[in-house]
Protein backbone atom coordinates (compact mmCIF):
# COMPACT_ATOMS: atom_id res chain seq x y z
CA MET A 1 -70.81 70.27 -211.83
CA LEU A 2 -68.19 70.95 -214.51
CA LYS A 3 -69.47 74.52 -214.85
CA PHE A 4 -69.09 75.03 -211.09
CA ILE A 5 -65.46 73.83 -211.19
CA LYS A 6 -64.60 76.15 -214.11
CA THR A 7 -66.23 79.10 -212.36
CA PHE A 8 -64.44 78.25 -209.11
CA ARG A 9 -61.05 78.18 -210.86
CA LYS A 10 -61.60 81.59 -212.46
CA ASP A 11 -62.88 83.23 -209.26
CA GLU A 12 -60.09 85.38 -207.73
CA ASP A 13 -61.85 86.55 -204.56
CA GLY A 14 -60.33 83.76 -202.50
CA ALA A 15 -56.84 84.51 -203.75
CA VAL A 16 -57.16 88.18 -202.82
CA THR A 17 -58.34 87.22 -199.34
CA VAL A 18 -55.34 84.93 -198.89
CA ASP A 19 -53.03 87.75 -200.00
CA TRP A 20 -54.49 90.11 -197.41
CA VAL A 21 -54.27 87.51 -194.67
CA VAL A 22 -50.59 86.89 -195.48
CA LEU A 23 -49.81 90.62 -195.58
CA THR A 24 -51.61 91.22 -192.29
CA ALA A 25 -49.74 88.36 -190.65
CA ALA A 26 -46.45 89.80 -191.90
CA VAL A 27 -47.24 93.23 -190.47
CA VAL A 28 -48.23 91.73 -187.11
CA GLY A 29 -45.05 89.65 -187.08
CA LEU A 30 -42.90 92.70 -187.78
CA ALA A 31 -44.66 94.66 -185.04
CA ILE A 32 -44.01 91.87 -182.53
CA ALA A 33 -40.35 91.69 -183.57
CA ALA A 34 -39.97 95.47 -183.23
CA TYR A 35 -41.57 95.42 -179.79
CA GLY A 36 -39.21 92.67 -178.71
CA GLY A 37 -36.20 94.68 -179.82
CA ILE A 38 -37.32 97.97 -178.32
CA SER A 39 -38.88 96.89 -175.02
CA GLY A 40 -35.64 95.95 -173.27
CA GLN A 41 -33.93 99.22 -174.12
CA ALA A 42 -37.02 101.22 -173.16
CA LEU A 43 -37.13 99.55 -169.75
CA ASP A 44 -33.44 100.36 -169.22
CA LEU A 45 -34.09 103.99 -170.13
CA ILE A 46 -37.02 104.18 -167.72
CA GLY A 47 -34.87 102.71 -164.95
CA THR A 48 -32.13 105.26 -165.59
CA ALA A 49 -34.62 108.11 -165.52
CA ALA A 50 -36.18 106.82 -162.29
CA THR A 51 -32.76 106.63 -160.65
CA ALA A 52 -31.97 110.19 -161.72
CA VAL A 53 -35.27 111.50 -160.39
CA ASP A 54 -34.90 109.63 -157.10
CA GLY A 55 -31.48 111.21 -156.59
CA GLN A 56 -32.81 114.75 -156.82
CA GLU A 57 -33.48 116.76 -153.72
CA THR A 58 -36.59 118.86 -153.52
CA ALA A 59 -36.63 122.39 -152.24
CA THR A 60 -39.03 123.23 -149.46
CA ILE A 61 -40.96 126.44 -149.61
CA GLU A 62 -41.53 128.05 -146.26
CA ALA A 63 -44.57 130.20 -145.71
CA ALA A 64 -43.82 133.88 -145.30
CA ASP A 65 -44.87 135.40 -142.01
CA ASP A 66 -47.26 138.27 -142.67
């Protein structure tokens, strides 16, 4: 049992896994924060573009009489 405890203390695989989990969580958190900051402005831009497109008149093309 003592040998198992010494081996367990020296094993670094678990520590590396924890590091990757923490880094992944940080990246996901930053992505969510960035989305929250950008989404409102993007929706405003889309609304402005939609208003501009709705205000445009389209030209009608009449068929030429042959």
